[in-house]
């Protein structure tokens, strides 16, 4: 009944809201179409800072860049949210193949949270897809050797399923391999980087990735020679690192202690400049803050702009912010969280809240008049993905929304070709203008739907079939 009540309230509000707001949306649309700063800010970040790995000198530069920008545009409040974490930092890596008398150097990247030091020379054992059956069949050969396997999975019947690379890495440890080499499956030759060990765990053996071309070459050599060996030399840094979320606020007029939080993760992996993941989102948050401040629209509810650090290494910044807000008695004041992660080519919204999804669908129809040649079609779903910075919020029952988007550059996700080259300026402008309209609209709902109860949140999590995923992250709160 409560949800029905809020839907009726929303319908009544919108009948009088549409004409009054349309003029505001015209202003927002014109501002971002003509004066959007996001693309230029992203170019500046990628060229002058480069990667933004959490805890690194570049990460610190990126934090300062955003802090100074928020200050420069005159937000009402600007501050750092500091935290420290058990971290891992990439060091040196050399991977060579010995085939008969020939020694070949192979380009490779280490996965995150693997051993601090490795000096391994051992026979290569091809485990094909690296599923548990592959390990079992070769159990006697694996001990003391280096396993070679696919990042993806090929040539098996539909009854079998691939498993996550983390599980494959743990199987290599279980069967006492000395190292694991993943063959990336991307046809453009890019090499994926990311995590194979949990946030507070270190994989005790080296785990590295090579391109599909190099992998197929090695497999050919293994067919031609009776013994092909691998040599992995690796050093990494493990320790305690500092990091800071960067926060800026536009104060609301009527409900200054209630917040619509819009954020994006500022950090990236260190093998590229992280333009798509997630420079595009981080720059858009800066752009939104600038555009809305410049328009001086005076929202009823406060808007909190957040640049999170540590998303790539375990949702560290957003998890810390949730705990900090809770300790300050402010968590219930966060009425909605908007998360921009790889947020180009907006076509609608994914919403964790059936009540809010109805509102988003209704108000989104007002934006269709601006849909010239953009992808925006007001396609909205009661859905939410995991593994990004809205996750620590929605498990607390906070309404969450993220772009339903079509992104460029997926072929370079988490790899060394995630560069500014991939970013389309028009896509960034389109996403910024529609996001600004929705952000302003949410900040001006007269009566915001209350935070979801724990039971309602659990019900929605189960409906969306993300229980096991949340368990893997340690974010399952319901005990069974």
Protein backbone atom coordinates (compact mmCIF):
# COMPACT_ATOMS: atom_id res chain seq x y z
CA UNK A 1 0.00 0.00 0.00
CA UNK A 2 2.87 2.39 0.78
CA UNK A 3 4.33 1.88 -2.68
CA UNK A 4 0.92 2.47 -4.27
CA UNK A 5 0.56 5.67 -2.25
CA UNK A 6 3.90 6.96 -3.48
CA UNK A 7 3.04 6.11 -7.07
CA UNK A 8 -0.19 8.13 -6.77
CA UNK A 9 1.69 11.03 -5.18
CA UNK A 10 4.25 10.94 -7.98
CA UNK A 11 1.51 10.96 -10.63
CA UNK A 12 -0.18 13.96 -9.03
CA UNK A 13 3.11 15.80 -8.67
CA UNK A 14 4.01 15.24 -12.29
CA UNK A 15 0.75 16.70 -13.63
CA UNK A 16 1.69 20.08 -12.20
CA UNK A 17 5.42 19.54 -12.42
CA UNK A 18 5.88 18.95 -16.12
CA UNK A 19 5.12 22.42 -17.45
CA UNK A 20 6.90 24.17 -14.60
CA UNK A 21 9.99 21.97 -14.94
CA UNK A 22 10.20 21.91 -18.69
CA UNK A 23 11.63 25.40 -18.72
CA UNK A 24 14.32 24.27 -16.27
CA UNK A 25 15.12 21.26 -18.44
CA UNK A 26 15.41 23.59 -21.43
CA UNK A 27 18.04 25.56 -19.51
CA UNK A 28 19.90 22.40 -18.48
CA UNK A 29 19.81 21.04 -22.01
CA UNK A 30 21.09 24.29 -23.51
CA UNK A 31 23.89 24.61 -20.93
CA UNK A 32 25.29 21.14 -21.48
CA UNK A 33 24.80 21.15 -25.24
CA UNK A 34 26.72 24.42 -25.56
CA UNK A 35 29.11 24.52 -22.59
CA UNK A 36 29.78 20.95 -21.42
CA UNK A 37 33.26 20.66 -19.90
CA UNK A 38 33.45 16.88 -19.48
CA UNK A 39 35.32 15.93 -22.64
CA UNK A 40 37.97 18.60 -22.10
CA UNK A 41 38.36 17.65 -18.43
CA UNK A 42 38.82 14.00 -19.39
CA UNK A 43 41.47 14.91 -21.96
CA UNK A 44 43.29 16.97 -19.35
CA UNK A 45 43.14 14.16 -16.76
CA UNK A 46 44.39 11.49 -19.13
CA UNK A 47 47.18 13.60 -20.63
CA UNK A 48 48.43 15.44 -17.54
CA UNK A 49 47.86 12.77 -14.88
CA UNK A 50 47.64 9.48 -16.75
CA UNK A 51 46.47 6.43 -14.82
CA UNK A 52 44.83 6.99 -11.43
CA UNK A 53 45.68 3.85 -9.49
CA UNK A 54 44.56 4.12 -5.87
CA UNK A 55 47.36 4.96 -3.45
CA UNK A 56 49.85 5.84 -6.20
CA UNK A 57 51.37 9.30 -6.79
CA UNK A 58 49.11 9.57 -9.85
CA UNK A 59 46.11 8.73 -7.70
CA UNK A 60 47.03 11.54 -5.31
CA UNK A 61 47.33 13.98 -8.26
CA UNK A 62 43.87 12.95 -9.46
CA UNK A 63 42.36 13.52 -6.01
CA UNK A 64 43.90 16.99 -5.88
CA UNK A 65 42.72 17.75 -9.42
CA UNK A 66 39.08 17.07 -8.48
CA UNK A 67 39.32 18.85 -5.12
CA UNK A 68 40.75 21.97 -6.75
CA UNK A 69 38.12 21.87 -9.49
CA UNK A 70 35.25 21.68 -6.98
CA UNK A 71 36.81 24.61 -5.14
CA UNK A 72 37.33 26.58 -8.33
CA UNK A 73 33.70 26.36 -9.44
CA UNK A 74 32.50 27.48 -6.00
CA UNK A 75 30.64 24.52 -4.55
CA UNK A 76 29.15 25.21 -1.13
CA UNK A 77 31.30 22.64 0.63
CA UNK A 78 34.36 20.72 -0.57
CA UNK A 79 36.31 18.15 1.45
CA UNK A 80 38.34 14.95 1.37
CA UNK A 81 37.10 11.69 2.87
CA UNK A 82 40.34 9.96 3.82
CA UNK A 83 40.96 6.26 4.38
CA UNK A 84 43.86 3.82 4.49
CA UNK A 85 43.88 0.30 3.14
CA UNK A 86 45.92 -2.88 2.79
CA UNK A 87 47.14 -2.44 -0.75
CA UNK A 88 49.06 -4.02 -3.57
CA UNK A 89 51.04 -2.17 -6.22
CA UNK A 90 52.41 -3.55 -9.47
CA UNK A 91 56.21 -3.76 -9.67
CA UNK A 92 58.41 -5.42 -12.29
CA UNK A 93 57.55 -8.46 -14.41
CA UNK A 94 59.50 -10.53 -16.92
CA UNK A 95 58.06 -13.58 -18.68
CA UNK A 96 60.16 -15.74 -21.00
CA UNK A 97 59.64 -19.00 -22.83
CA UNK A 98 62.38 -21.63 -23.27
CA UNK A 99 61.78 -23.82 -26.32
CA UNK A 100 64.76 -26.00 -27.12
CA UNK A 101 67.67 -23.58 -27.50
CA UNK A 102 65.41 -20.59 -28.14
CA UNK A 103 64.46 -18.01 -25.50
CA UNK A 104 61.46 -15.78 -26.26
CA UNK A 105 60.43 -12.70 -24.28
CA UNK A 106 56.65 -12.46 -23.97
CA UNK A 107 54.67 -9.29 -23.15
CA UNK A 108 52.61 -9.92 -20.02
CA UNK A 109 50.78 -8.14 -17.21
CA UNK A 110 50.39 -9.29 -13.66
CA UNK A 111 47.01 -9.64 -12.05
CA UNK A 112 46.43 -7.79 -8.80
CA UNK A 113 47.07 -9.06 -5.30
CA UNK A 114 49.54 -11.73 -6.26
CA UNK A 115 52.77 -12.66 -4.56
CA UNK A 116 55.23 -9.93 -3.66
CA UNK A 117 58.16 -11.80 -5.19
CA UNK A 118 58.55 -14.63 -7.69
CA UNK A 119 61.52 -16.26 -9.40
CA UNK A 120 59.99 -19.29 -11.08
CA UNK A 121 61.38 -21.53 -13.81
CA UNK A 122 59.29 -24.60 -14.63
CA UNK A 123 57.65 -26.67 -17.33
CA UNK A 124 54.48 -25.29 -18.92
CA UNK A 125 51.37 -27.50 -18.62
CA UNK A 126 48.48 -26.67 -20.97
CA UNK A 127 45.17 -26.89 -19.09
CA UNK A 128 42.95 -25.73 -21.95
CA UNK A 129 39.99 -23.88 -20.36
CA UNK A 130 41.22 -24.26 -16.78
CA UNK A 131 37.98 -25.72 -15.44
CA UNK A 132 38.07 -28.03 -12.45
CA UNK A 133 37.88 -31.10 -14.70
CA UNK A 134 40.95 -29.85 -16.60
CA UNK A 135 42.85 -29.60 -13.32
CA UNK A 136 41.69 -33.03 -12.15
CA UNK A 137 42.71 -34.75 -15.40
CA UNK A 138 46.21 -33.28 -15.15
CA UNK A 139 46.62 -33.39 -11.37
CA UNK A 140 49.84 -35.41 -11.41
CA UNK A 141 51.51 -33.12 -13.95
CA UNK A 142 50.63 -29.79 -12.31
CA UNK A 143 52.59 -29.86 -9.06
CA UNK A 144 55.72 -27.71 -9.30
CA UNK A 145 54.96 -26.48 -12.83
CA UNK A 146 53.36 -23.44 -14.50
CA UNK A 147 49.84 -23.89 -15.87
CA UNK A 148 48.74 -22.26 -19.13
CA UNK A 149 45.00 -21.77 -19.58
CA UNK A 150 42.29 -19.70 -21.21
CA UNK A 151 40.86 -16.59 -19.62
CA UNK A 152 37.59 -17.52 -21.31
CA UNK A 153 36.40 -20.96 -22.30
CA UNK A 154 36.25 -22.54 -25.75
CA UNK A 155 35.04 -25.65 -27.52
CA UNK A 156 32.93 -27.36 -24.95
CA UNK A 157 29.27 -28.36 -24.88
CA UNK A 158 26.59 -26.01 -23.57
CA UNK A 159 26.15 -27.99 -20.35
CA UNK A 160 29.50 -26.72 -19.07
CA UNK A 161 29.99 -23.20 -17.77
CA UNK A 162 33.09 -21.09 -17.56
CA UNK A 163 34.31 -20.08 -14.10
CA UNK A 164 35.77 -16.81 -12.88
CA UNK A 165 39.52 -16.27 -13.26
CA UNK A 166 39.77 -15.98 -9.47
CA UNK A 167 38.45 -19.52 -9.14
CA UNK A 168 40.90 -20.71 -11.79
CA UNK A 169 43.79 -19.07 -9.94
CA UNK A 170 42.72 -20.72 -6.68
CA UNK A 171 42.59 -24.10 -8.43
CA UNK A 172 46.18 -23.54 -9.56
CA UNK A 173 47.14 -22.98 -5.92
CA UNK A 174 45.12 -26.00 -4.77
CA UNK A 175 46.89 -28.28 -7.25
CA UNK A 176 50.26 -26.82 -6.21
CA UNK A 177 51.24 -25.11 -9.44
CA UNK A 178 54.18 -22.70 -9.24
CA UNK A 179 52.46 -20.11 -11.43
CA UNK A 180 49.51 -19.52 -13.74
CA UNK A 181 49.49 -17.90 -17.19
CA UNK A 182 46.14 -16.79 -18.63
CA UNK A 183 45.63 -16.37 -22.37
CA UNK A 184 43.39 -13.35 -22.93
CA UNK A 185 40.58 -14.06 -25.37
CA UNK A 186 40.15 -10.62 -26.90
CA UNK A 187 40.69 -10.70 -30.63
CA UNK A 188 42.30 -7.24 -30.73
CA UNK A 189 45.28 -8.57 -28.78
CA UNK A 190 44.59 -6.50 -25.67
CA UNK A 191 45.63 -7.94 -22.32
CA UNK A 192 43.24 -7.76 -19.38
CA UNK A 193 44.38 -6.70 -15.96
CA UNK A 194 42.41 -6.93 -12.76
CA UNK A 195 42.12 -9.01 -9.64
CA UNK A 196 42.57 -12.72 -8.98
CA UNK A 197 42.71 -12.45 -5.21
CA UNK A 198 40.33 -10.89 -2.70
CA UNK A 199 40.89 -7.44 -1.26
CA UNK A 200 42.63 -8.66 1.88
CA UNK A 201 44.19 -11.78 0.38
CA UNK A 202 47.39 -12.32 -1.57
CA UNK A 203 47.63 -15.12 -4.13
CA UNK A 204 50.83 -16.98 -3.12
CA UNK A 205 51.93 -17.68 -6.70
CA UNK A 206 52.40 -15.39 -9.72
CA UNK A 207 49.35 -15.04 -11.98
CA UNK A 208 49.92 -13.24 -15.27
CA UNK A 209 48.09 -12.59 -18.55
CA UNK A 210 49.29 -12.67 -22.15
CA UNK A 211 47.60 -11.85 -25.46
CA UNK A 212 45.73 -14.39 -27.56
CA UNK A 213 48.40 -14.20 -30.28
CA UNK A 214 51.23 -14.97 -27.87
CA UNK A 215 49.16 -17.73 -26.28
CA UNK A 216 48.45 -19.47 -29.56
CA UNK A 217 52.13 -19.19 -30.48
CA UNK A 218 53.17 -20.86 -27.22
CA UNK A 219 50.62 -23.64 -27.77
CA UNK A 220 52.03 -24.26 -31.22
CA UNK A 221 55.53 -24.54 -29.75
CA UNK A 222 54.22 -26.99 -27.16
CA UNK A 223 52.90 -29.20 -29.95
CA UNK A 224 56.20 -29.09 -31.79
CA UNK A 225 58.54 -29.56 -28.79
CA UNK A 226 58.39 -32.15 -26.08
CA UNK A 227 59.22 -29.63 -23.34
CA UNK A 228 58.48 -25.90 -23.23
CA UNK A 229 59.35 -24.06 -20.04
CA UNK A 230 58.40 -20.69 -18.65
CA UNK A 231 60.41 -18.25 -16.53
CA UNK A 232 58.52 -15.70 -14.41
CA UNK A 233 60.42 -13.01 -12.52
CA UNK A 234 58.22 -10.66 -10.56
CA UNK A 235 58.34 -8.07 -7.79
CA UNK A 236 55.34 -6.21 -6.36
CA UNK A 237 54.77 -3.90 -3.40
CA UNK A 238 52.42 -4.88 -0.59
CA UNK A 239 51.67 -2.47 2.26
CA UNK A 240 49.41 0.16 3.78
CA UNK A 241 48.39 2.97 1.41
CA UNK A 242 46.41 6.21 1.88
CA UNK A 243 43.57 7.35 -0.39
CA UNK A 244 40.84 9.99 -0.44
CA UNK A 245 37.34 10.27 -1.80
CA UNK A 246 36.71 13.82 -3.00
CA UNK A 247 33.34 15.36 -2.09
CA UNK A 248 31.63 18.58 -3.13
CA UNK A 249 28.14 19.79 -2.18
CA UNK A 250 25.49 22.12 -3.57
CA UNK A 251 23.24 22.92 -0.61
CA UNK A 252 19.49 22.48 -0.98
CA UNK A 253 17.04 25.23 -0.16
CA UNK A 254 14.15 23.33 1.44
CA UNK A 255 15.74 20.08 2.62
CA UNK A 256 19.45 20.89 3.07
CA UNK A 257 20.06 17.82 5.24
CA UNK A 258 18.71 15.43 2.61
CA UNK A 259 21.05 14.43 -0.23
CA UNK A 260 20.97 13.05 -3.72
CA UNK A 261 24.46 11.58 -4.09
CA UNK A 262 25.95 11.36 -7.55
CA UNK A 263 29.35 9.72 -7.84
CA UNK A 264 31.82 7.95 -10.08
CA UNK A 265 35.04 6.13 -9.37
CA UNK A 266 38.07 8.26 -10.09
CA UNK A 267 40.61 5.46 -9.87
CA UNK A 268 41.75 3.25 -12.73
CA UNK A 269 44.14 0.40 -13.37
CA UNK A 270 47.70 1.49 -13.96
CA UNK A 271 48.32 -0.11 -17.37
CA UNK A 272 46.55 2.70 -19.25
CA UNK A 273 44.98 6.10 -18.65
CA UNK A 274 41.59 4.54 -17.85
CA UNK A 275 39.64 6.89 -20.12
CA UNK A 276 36.50 4.75 -20.42
CA UNK A 277 36.90 3.01 -17.06
CA UNK A 278 36.22 5.32 -15.48
CA UNK A 279 37.62 8.65 -16.53
CA UNK A 280 34.45 9.24 -18.50
CA UNK A 281 32.31 8.96 -15.35
CA UNK A 282 34.69 10.95 -13.15
CA UNK A 283 34.88 13.79 -15.68
CA UNK A 284 31.09 13.80 -16.06
CA UNK A 285 30.62 14.26 -12.31
CA UNK A 286 32.89 17.32 -12.48
CA UNK A 287 30.95 18.55 -15.50
CA UNK A 288 27.60 18.12 -13.73
CA UNK A 289 28.83 20.02 -10.69
CA UNK A 290 30.06 22.86 -12.88
CA UNK A 291 26.94 23.08 -15.05
CA UNK A 292 24.39 22.96 -12.21
CA UNK A 293 26.37 25.43 -10.10
CA UNK A 294 26.65 27.79 -13.05
CA UNK A 295 22.90 27.64 -13.71
CA UNK A 296 22.23 28.44 -10.03
CA UNK A 297 19.01 26.40 -10.06
CA UNK A 298 18.83 26.09 -6.25
CA UNK A 299 17.59 22.51 -5.79
CA UNK A 300 15.32 21.78 -2.84
CA UNK A 301 17.49 18.87 -1.73
CA UNK A 302 21.30 19.01 -1.40
CA UNK A 303 23.37 17.37 -4.13
CA UNK A 304 26.55 15.57 -3.08
CA UNK A 305 29.14 15.03 -5.83
CA UNK A 306 31.59 12.22 -5.05
CA UNK A 307 34.77 11.09 -6.78
CA UNK A 308 35.46 7.66 -5.25
CA UNK A 309 38.90 6.12 -4.98
CA UNK A 310 39.55 2.39 -4.64
CA UNK A 311 36.68 1.00 -6.71
CA UNK A 312 38.98 -1.17 -8.80
CA UNK A 313 40.62 -2.68 -5.75
CA UNK A 314 37.47 -3.65 -3.88
CA UNK A 315 34.91 -0.79 -3.70
CA UNK A 316 37.08 0.70 -0.95
CA UNK A 317 36.06 4.34 -1.21
CA UNK A 318 32.32 3.81 -1.43
CA UNK A 319 32.39 1.21 1.37
CA UNK A 320 34.33 3.63 3.55
CA UNK A 321 31.93 6.48 2.79
CA UNK A 322 28.91 4.36 3.77
CA UNK A 323 30.55 3.58 7.13
CA UNK A 324 31.51 7.22 7.65
CA UNK A 325 28.02 8.51 6.88
CA UNK A 326 26.54 5.87 9.17
CA UNK A 327 28.88 6.87 12.02
CA UNK A 328 27.82 10.51 11.57
CA UNK A 329 24.12 9.59 11.62
CA UNK A 330 23.80 10.76 8.00
CA UNK A 331 23.27 7.53 6.08
CA UNK A 332 19.47 7.78 6.24
CA UNK A 333 19.76 11.31 4.84
CA UNK A 334 21.09 9.89 1.55
CA UNK A 335 17.83 9.60 -0.35
CA UNK A 336 19.23 8.28 -3.60
CA UNK A 337 22.59 7.30 -5.07
CA UNK A 338 23.37 7.81 -8.76
CA UNK A 339 26.47 5.99 -9.99
CA UNK A 340 28.25 6.78 -13.25
CA UNK A 341 30.54 3.91 -14.23
CA UNK A 342 31.54 3.68 -17.91
CA UNK A 343 28.54 5.90 -18.51
CA UNK A 344 28.49 6.87 -22.19
CA UNK A 345 25.56 6.73 -24.62
CA UNK A 346 22.75 6.87 -22.04
CA UNK A 347 19.53 5.21 -23.24
CA UNK A 348 17.65 5.13 -19.92
CA UNK A 349 18.14 4.00 -16.34
CA UNK A 350 18.62 0.89 -14.22
CA UNK A 351 16.98 1.43 -10.85
CA UNK A 352 17.20 -0.52 -7.59
CA UNK A 353 13.70 0.38 -6.34
CA UNK A 354 10.36 -0.34 -7.97
CA UNK A 355 8.83 2.83 -6.51
CA UNK A 356 11.61 5.06 -7.77
CA UNK A 357 11.68 3.29 -11.15
CA UNK A 358 8.07 4.38 -11.72
CA UNK A 359 9.05 7.98 -11.04
CA UNK A 360 12.13 7.77 -13.25
CA UNK A 361 10.01 6.34 -16.06
CA UNK A 362 7.42 9.11 -15.72
CA UNK A 363 9.78 12.06 -15.48
CA UNK A 364 12.05 10.59 -18.16
CA UNK A 365 9.27 11.02 -20.71
CA UNK A 366 9.74 14.77 -20.34
CA UNK A 367 13.30 14.38 -21.65
CA UNK A 368 12.27 12.74 -24.92
CA UNK A 369 11.70 16.10 -26.60
CA UNK A 370 15.48 16.62 -26.46
CA UNK A 371 16.23 13.28 -28.14
CA UNK A 372 17.55 14.55 -31.46
CA UNK A 373 20.13 12.01 -32.62
CA UNK A 374 21.19 10.71 -29.20
CA UNK A 375 20.63 7.19 -27.89
CA UNK A 376 18.28 8.31 -25.08
CA UNK A 377 14.96 6.45 -25.34
CA UNK A 378 13.77 6.41 -21.69
CA UNK A 379 14.38 2.66 -21.45
CA UNK A 380 14.20 1.96 -17.71
CA UNK A 381 14.35 -1.29 -15.73
CA UNK A 382 14.14 -2.48 -12.16
CA UNK A 383 17.64 -3.85 -12.30
CA UNK A 384 21.04 -3.09 -10.81
CA UNK A 385 24.44 -4.54 -11.58
CA UNK A 386 26.99 -5.22 -8.89
CA UNK A 387 30.73 -4.59 -8.50
CA UNK A 388 30.55 -0.82 -8.60
CA UNK A 389 30.16 1.99 -6.08
CA UNK A 390 26.37 1.90 -5.74
CA UNK A 391 26.64 -1.62 -4.23
CA UNK A 392 27.54 -0.67 -0.62
CA UNK A 393 24.60 1.78 -0.67
CA UNK A 394 21.83 -0.34 -2.14
CA UNK A 395 22.43 -3.19 0.31
CA UNK A 396 21.54 -0.61 2.99
CA UNK A 397 18.16 -0.06 1.32
CA UNK A 398 19.09 3.24 -0.33
CA UNK A 399 17.40 3.87 -3.68
CA UNK A 400 20.04 3.54 -6.39
CA UNK A 401 20.12 4.45 -10.05
CA UNK A 402 22.71 4.04 -12.77
CA UNK A 403 22.72 4.68 -16.52
CA UNK A 404 21.37 2.02 -18.83
CA UNK A 405 24.02 2.64 -21.42
CA UNK A 406 25.70 1.55 -24.63
CA UNK A 407 29.41 2.05 -24.08
CA UNK A 408 32.23 2.37 -26.56
CA UNK A 409 35.61 0.81 -25.93
CA UNK A 410 34.62 -2.47 -24.23
CA UNK A 411 37.33 -4.21 -26.23
CA UNK A 412 39.83 -2.27 -24.12
CA UNK A 413 38.15 -2.76 -20.74
CA UNK A 414 40.79 -3.18 -17.99
CA UNK A 415 43.61 -3.21 -20.51
CA UNK A 416 46.42 -1.14 -21.92
CA UNK A 417 44.33 0.26 -24.79
CA UNK A 418 41.76 2.02 -22.55
CA UNK A 419 42.78 5.42 -23.89
CA UNK A 420 41.22 8.80 -24.61
CA UNK A 421 41.06 7.80 -28.29
CA UNK A 422 37.95 5.68 -27.62
CA UNK A 423 35.87 8.46 -26.07
CA UNK A 424 33.18 10.09 -28.18
CA UNK A 425 32.59 13.75 -27.26
CA UNK A 426 28.95 13.75 -28.33
CA UNK A 427 28.23 10.67 -26.22
CA UNK A 428 29.66 12.41 -23.17
CA UNK A 429 27.56 15.53 -23.77
CA UNK A 430 24.39 13.48 -24.25
CA UNK A 431 24.97 11.51 -21.07
CA UNK A 432 25.75 14.69 -19.11
CA UNK A 433 22.61 16.56 -20.15
CA UNK A 434 20.16 13.73 -19.47
CA UNK A 435 21.91 12.85 -16.19
CA UNK A 436 21.76 16.51 -15.12
CA UNK A 437 18.01 16.61 -15.83
CA UNK A 438 17.37 13.45 -13.81
CA UNK A 439 19.65 14.60 -10.98
CA UNK A 440 17.84 17.94 -10.72
CA UNK A 441 14.47 16.18 -10.85
CA UNK A 442 15.35 13.79 -8.00
CA UNK A 443 16.64 16.69 -5.92
CA UNK A 444 13.25 18.38 -6.25
CA UNK A 445 10.78 15.59 -5.47
CA UNK A 446 8.58 17.11 -2.78
CA UNK A 447 8.31 13.91 -0.71
CA UNK A 448 10.99 11.36 -1.41
CA UNK A 449 10.06 7.68 -0.96
CA UNK A 450 11.54 6.41 2.31
CA UNK A 451 14.56 4.15 2.48
CA UNK A 452 13.65 0.53 1.77
CA UNK A 453 13.30 -1.81 4.72
CA UNK A 454 15.80 -4.60 5.18
CA UNK A 455 13.17 -7.15 4.16
CA UNK A 456 12.19 -5.19 1.06
CA UNK A 457 15.85 -4.87 0.09
CA UNK A 458 16.40 -8.60 0.55
CA UNK A 459 13.28 -9.36 -1.52
CA UNK A 460 14.58 -7.21 -4.39
CA UNK A 461 18.08 -8.74 -4.19
CA UNK A 462 16.58 -12.21 -4.46
CA UNK A 463 14.31 -11.14 -7.32
CA UNK A 464 17.34 -9.80 -9.22
CA UNK A 465 19.25 -13.04 -8.48
CA UNK A 466 22.37 -11.34 -7.09
CA UNK A 467 22.54 -13.08 -3.70
CA UNK A 468 25.60 -15.20 -4.52
CA UNK A 469 27.37 -12.23 -6.03
CA UNK A 470 26.84 -10.17 -2.87
CA UNK A 471 28.02 -13.09 -0.77
CA UNK A 472 31.24 -13.16 -2.74
CA UNK A 473 31.79 -9.49 -1.91
CA UNK A 474 30.88 -9.90 1.78
CA UNK A 475 27.85 -7.63 1.26
CA UNK A 476 25.15 -10.22 1.96
CA UNK A 477 23.51 -8.94 5.17
CA UNK A 478 20.73 -11.42 5.85
CA UNK A 479 22.54 -14.33 7.47
CA UNK A 480 21.30 -17.30 5.43
